C-alpha atoms as a PDB file:
ATOM      1  CA  UNK A   1      14.051  14.166 -14.392  1.00  0.00           C
ATOM      2  CA  UNK A   2      11.298  16.406 -13.091  1.00  0.00           C
ATOM      3  CA  UNK A   3       8.332  17.292 -15.289  1.00  0.00           C
ATOM      4  CA  UNK A   4       6.031  20.022 -14.056  1.00  0.00           C
ATOM      5  CA  UNK A   5       2.653  20.741 -15.626  1.00  0.00           C
ATOM      6  CA  UNK A   6      -0.537  22.384 -14.446  1.00  0.00           C
ATOM      7  CA  UNK A   7      -2.052  19.156 -13.073  1.00  0.00           C
ATOM      8  CA  UNK A   8       0.884  16.728 -12.926  1.00  0.00           C
ATOM      9  CA  UNK A   9       4.299  16.620 -11.307  1.00  0.00           C
ATOM     10  CA  UNK A  10       6.885  13.868 -11.312  1.00  0.00           C
ATOM     11  CA  UNK A  11       9.649  14.649  -8.864  1.00  0.00           C
ATOM     12  CA  UNK A  12      12.687  12.622  -7.913  1.00  0.00           C
ATOM     13  CA  UNK A  13      12.581  13.836  -4.311  1.00  0.00           C
ATOM     14  CA  UNK A  14       9.605  14.383  -2.029  1.00  0.00           C
ATOM     15  CA  UNK A  15       9.487  15.324   1.650  1.00  0.00           C
ATOM     16  CA  UNK A  16       7.071  13.240   3.724  1.00  0.00           C
ATOM     17  CA  UNK A  17       6.776  12.504   7.425  1.00  0.00           C
ATOM     18  CA  UNK A  18       8.526   9.240   8.316  1.00  0.00           C
ATOM     19  CA  UNK A  19       5.365   8.011  10.070  1.00  0.00           C
ATOM     20  CA  UNK A  20       3.572   8.026   6.697  1.00  0.00           C
ATOM     21  CA  UNK A  21       6.039   5.605   5.111  1.00  0.00           C
ATOM     22  CA  UNK A  22       6.359   1.838   5.116  1.00  0.00           C
ATOM     23  CA  UNK A  23       9.139  -0.412   3.896  1.00  0.00           C
ATOM     24  CA  UNK A  24       8.603  -2.173   0.573  1.00  0.00           C
ATOM     25  CA  UNK A  25       8.302  -5.931   1.123  1.00  0.00           C
ATOM     26  CA  UNK A  26      11.427  -7.658  -0.182  1.00  0.00           C
ATOM     27  CA  UNK A  27       9.273 -10.076  -2.191  1.00  0.00           C
ATOM     28  CA  UNK A  28       7.447  -7.284  -4.052  1.00  0.00           C
ATOM     29  CA  UNK A  29       8.910  -5.567  -7.101  1.00  0.00           C
ATOM     30  CA  UNK A  30       9.140  -1.787  -7.323  1.00  0.00           C
ATOM     31  CA  UNK A  31       6.397  -1.912  -9.957  1.00  0.00           C
ATOM     32  CA  UNK A  32       3.980  -3.998  -7.855  1.00  0.00           C
ATOM     33  CA  UNK A  33       4.555  -2.581  -4.356  1.00  0.00           C
ATOM     34  CA  UNK A  34       2.753   0.766  -4.919  1.00  0.00           C
ATOM     35  CA  UNK A  35      -0.437  -0.998  -6.035  1.00  0.00           C
ATOM     36  CA  UNK A  36      -1.004  -2.776  -2.716  1.00  0.00           C
ATOM     37  CA  UNK A  37      -1.846   0.315  -0.602  1.00  0.00           C
ATOM     38  CA  UNK A  38      -4.285   1.617  -3.220  1.00  0.00           C
ATOM     39  CA  UNK A  39      -6.096  -1.711  -3.577  1.00  0.00           C
ATOM     40  CA  UNK A  40      -6.067  -2.244   0.185  1.00  0.00           C
ATOM     41  CA  UNK A  41      -7.485   1.179   0.979  1.00  0.00           C
ATOM     42  CA  UNK A  42     -10.153   0.763  -1.697  1.00  0.00           C
ATOM     43  CA  UNK A  43     -11.255  -2.570  -0.192  1.00  0.00           C
ATOM     44  CA  UNK A  44     -11.105  -1.238   3.359  1.00  0.00           C
ATOM     45  CA  UNK A  45     -13.121   1.888   2.562  1.00  0.00           C
ATOM     46  CA  UNK A  46     -15.750  -0.134   0.687  1.00  0.00           C
ATOM     47  CA  UNK A  47     -16.229  -2.602   3.538  1.00  0.00           C
ATOM     48  CA  UNK A  48     -15.837  -0.334   6.572  1.00  0.00           C
ATOM     49  CA  UNK A  49     -16.715   3.210   5.513  1.00  0.00           C
ATOM     50  CA  UNK A  50     -19.427   2.519   2.922  1.00  0.00           C
ATOM     51  CA  UNK A  51     -20.926  -0.903   3.711  1.00  0.00           C
ATOM     52  CA  UNK A  52     -20.247  -0.815   7.481  1.00  0.00           C
ATOM     53  CA  UNK A  53     -19.794  -4.601   7.496  1.00  0.00           C
ATOM     54  CA  UNK A  54     -20.507  -6.229  10.862  1.00  0.00           C
ATOM     55  CA  UNK A  55     -19.633  -9.720  12.144  1.00  0.00           C
ATOM     56  CA  UNK A  56     -22.049 -12.353  10.857  1.00  0.00           C
ATOM     57  CA  UNK A  57     -23.231 -10.325   7.864  1.00  0.00           C
ATOM     58  CA  UNK A  58     -23.069 -11.770   4.361  1.00  0.00           C
ATOM     59  CA  UNK A  59     -20.690 -10.111   1.903  1.00  0.00           C
ATOM     60  CA  UNK A  60     -20.460 -10.859  -1.828  1.00  0.00           C
ATOM     61  CA  UNK A  61     -17.218  -9.830  -3.519  1.00  0.00           C
ATOM     62  CA  UNK A  62     -17.224  -9.830  -7.309  1.00  0.00           C
ATOM     63  CA  UNK A  63     -13.773 -10.510  -8.749  1.00  0.00           C
ATOM     64  CA  UNK A  64     -12.489 -12.187  -5.601  1.00  0.00           C
ATOM     65  CA  UNK A  65      -9.147 -13.051  -7.199  1.00  0.00           C
ATOM     66  CA  UNK A  66      -8.476  -9.550  -8.536  1.00  0.00           C
ATOM     67  CA  UNK A  67      -6.445  -6.810  -6.908  1.00  0.00           C
ATOM     68  CA  UNK A  68      -9.146  -5.110  -4.835  1.00  0.00           C
ATOM     69  CA  UNK A  69     -11.371  -8.191  -4.646  1.00  0.00           C
ATOM     70  CA  UNK A  70      -8.663 -10.426  -3.184  1.00  0.00           C
ATOM     71  CA  UNK A  71      -8.062  -7.964  -0.389  1.00  0.00           C
ATOM     72  CA  UNK A  72     -11.798  -7.391   0.116  1.00  0.00           C
ATOM     73  CA  UNK A  73     -12.321 -11.148   0.620  1.00  0.00           C
ATOM     74  CA  UNK A  74      -9.598 -11.279   3.257  1.00  0.00           C
ATOM     75  CA  UNK A  75     -10.675  -8.085   5.030  1.00  0.00           C
ATOM     76  CA  UNK A  76     -14.339  -9.127   5.083  1.00  0.00           C
ATOM     77  CA  UNK A  77     -13.328 -12.444   6.662  1.00  0.00           C
ATOM     78  CA  UNK A  78     -11.226 -10.598   9.268  1.00  0.00           C
ATOM     79  CA  UNK A  79     -14.267  -8.426  10.020  1.00  0.00           C
ATOM     80  CA  UNK A  80     -16.214 -11.618  10.756  1.00  0.00           C
ATOM     81  CA  UNK A  81     -18.439 -11.599   7.682  1.00  0.00           C
ATOM     82  CA  UNK A  82     -19.632 -14.688   5.824  1.00  0.00           C
ATOM     83  CA  UNK A  83     -17.847 -14.141   2.521  1.00  0.00           C
ATOM     84  CA  UNK A  84     -18.970 -15.286  -0.919  1.00  0.00           C
ATOM     85  CA  UNK A  85     -16.875 -14.407  -3.945  1.00  0.00           C
ATOM     86  CA  UNK A  86     -17.003 -14.739  -7.689  1.00  0.00           C
ATOM     87  CA  UNK A  87     -13.748 -15.865  -9.278  1.00  0.00           C
ATOM     88  CA  UNK A  88     -12.391 -16.523 -12.727  1.00  0.00           C
ATOM     89  CA  UNK A  89     -12.447 -20.208 -13.592  1.00  0.00           C
ATOM     90  CA  UNK A  90      -8.656 -20.114 -13.765  1.00  0.00           C
ATOM     91  CA  UNK A  91      -8.235 -19.189 -10.054  1.00  0.00           C
ATOM     92  CA  UNK A  92     -10.883 -21.035  -8.002  1.00  0.00           C
ATOM     93  CA  UNK A  93      -8.440 -22.477  -5.475  1.00  0.00           C
ATOM     94  CA  UNK A  94      -6.998 -19.043  -4.689  1.00  0.00           C
ATOM     95  CA  UNK A  95     -10.454 -17.742  -3.844  1.00  0.00           C
ATOM     96  CA  UNK A  96     -11.182 -20.783  -1.704  1.00  0.00           C
ATOM     97  CA  UNK A  97      -7.956 -20.322   0.265  1.00  0.00           C
ATOM     98  CA  UNK A  98      -8.285 -16.567   0.829  1.00  0.00           C
ATOM     99  CA  UNK A  99     -11.070 -16.466   3.406  1.00  0.00           C
ATOM    100  CA  UNK A 100     -14.111 -17.074   1.264  1.00  0.00           C
ATOM    101  CA  UNK A 101     -16.727 -19.252   2.932  1.00  0.00           C
ATOM    102  CA  UNK A 102     -18.885 -19.784  -0.169  1.00  0.00           C
END
Protein backbone atom coordinates (compact mmCIF):
# COMPACT_ATOMS: atom_id res chain seq x y z
CA UNK A 1 0.00 0.00 0.00
CA UNK A 2 1.40 3.38 -0.97
CA UNK A 3 0.51 6.48 1.03
CA UNK A 4 1.48 9.82 -0.45
CA UNK A 5 1.35 13.06 1.51
CA UNK A 6 3.05 16.42 1.22
CA UNK A 7 6.04 15.43 3.39
CA UNK A 8 5.83 11.62 3.60
CA UNK A 9 5.76 8.73 1.17
CA UNK A 10 5.69 5.01 1.86
CA UNK A 11 6.24 3.07 -1.34
CA UNK A 12 6.50 -0.65 -1.90
CA UNK A 13 9.05 -0.23 -4.68
CA UNK A 14 11.99 2.16 -4.93
CA UNK A 15 14.72 2.41 -7.56
CA UNK A 16 18.23 2.75 -6.15
CA UNK A 17 21.68 2.09 -7.56
CA UNK A 18 22.90 -1.40 -6.63
CA UNK A 19 26.15 0.09 -5.28
CA UNK A 20 24.13 1.87 -2.57
CA UNK A 21 22.68 -1.36 -1.19
CA UNK A 22 23.97 -3.95 1.25
CA UNK A 23 22.63 -7.36 2.17
CA UNK A 24 20.78 -7.66 5.47
CA UNK A 25 22.78 -9.83 7.89
CA UNK A 26 21.03 -13.17 8.34
CA UNK A 27 21.20 -12.77 12.12
CA UNK A 28 19.39 -9.41 12.09
CA UNK A 29 15.61 -9.12 11.92
CA UNK A 30 13.91 -6.93 9.34
CA UNK A 31 12.95 -4.58 12.17
CA UNK A 32 16.49 -4.24 13.57
CA UNK A 33 18.59 -4.21 10.39
CA UNK A 34 17.64 -0.67 9.25
CA UNK A 35 18.73 0.84 12.57
CA UNK A 36 22.38 -0.21 12.22
CA UNK A 37 23.31 2.12 9.31
CA UNK A 38 21.70 5.12 11.02
CA UNK A 39 23.43 4.49 14.35
CA UNK A 40 26.71 3.71 12.61
CA UNK A 41 26.68 6.84 10.49
CA UNK A 42 25.77 8.96 13.51
CA UNK A 43 28.73 7.57 15.48
CA UNK A 44 31.09 7.87 12.52
CA UNK A 45 30.11 11.47 11.76
CA UNK A 46 30.44 12.46 15.43
CA UNK A 47 33.92 10.97 15.76
CA UNK A 48 35.40 11.73 12.34
CA UNK A 49 33.57 14.73 10.90
CA UNK A 50 32.84 16.70 14.09
CA UNK A 51 35.42 15.65 16.70
CA UNK A 52 38.20 14.74 14.23
CA UNK A 53 39.45 12.03 16.61
CA UNK A 54 43.13 11.19 16.20
CA UNK A 55 45.13 8.19 17.47
CA UNK A 56 46.09 8.58 21.13
CA UNK A 57 43.36 11.10 21.95
CA UNK A 58 40.95 10.48 24.81
CA UNK A 59 37.29 9.95 23.92
CA UNK A 60 34.40 9.73 26.40
CA UNK A 61 31.25 8.06 25.11
CA UNK A 62 28.13 8.50 27.22
CA UNK A 63 25.73 5.57 26.87
CA UNK A 64 28.41 3.17 25.67
CA UNK A 65 26.00 0.22 25.58
CA UNK A 66 23.30 2.03 23.60
CA UNK A 67 22.75 1.98 19.87
CA UNK A 68 24.96 4.89 18.81
CA UNK A 69 27.22 4.67 21.87
CA UNK A 70 28.12 1.02 21.32
CA UNK A 71 29.24 1.76 17.80
CA UNK A 72 31.02 4.96 18.88
CA UNK A 73 33.07 2.97 21.42
CA UNK A 74 34.14 0.47 18.77
CA UNK A 75 34.86 3.09 16.10
CA UNK A 76 36.85 5.27 18.50
CA UNK A 77 38.97 2.25 19.43
CA UNK A 78 39.53 1.46 15.73
CA UNK A 79 40.62 5.08 15.25
CA UNK A 80 43.25 4.52 17.94
CA UNK A 81 41.66 6.61 20.68
CA UNK A 82 41.79 5.83 24.39
CA UNK A 83 38.11 5.17 25.01
CA UNK A 84 36.18 5.72 28.24
CA UNK A 85 32.47 4.99 28.33
CA UNK A 86 29.57 5.32 30.70
CA UNK A 87 27.30 2.28 30.83
CA UNK A 88 24.13 1.21 32.56
CA UNK A 89 24.83 -0.93 35.60
CA UNK A 90 23.04 -3.79 33.85
CA UNK A 91 25.57 -3.97 30.96
CA UNK A 92 29.08 -3.30 32.33
CA UNK A 93 30.67 -6.38 30.77
CA UNK A 94 29.41 -5.45 27.30
CA UNK A 95 31.09 -2.07 27.56
CA UNK A 96 34.30 -3.64 28.80
CA UNK A 97 34.38 -6.08 25.88
CA UNK A 98 33.57 -3.55 23.14
CA UNK A 99 36.84 -1.63 22.94
CA UNK A 100 36.59 0.60 25.98
CA UNK A 101 39.90 1.08 27.77
CA UNK A 102 38.46 2.77 30.87
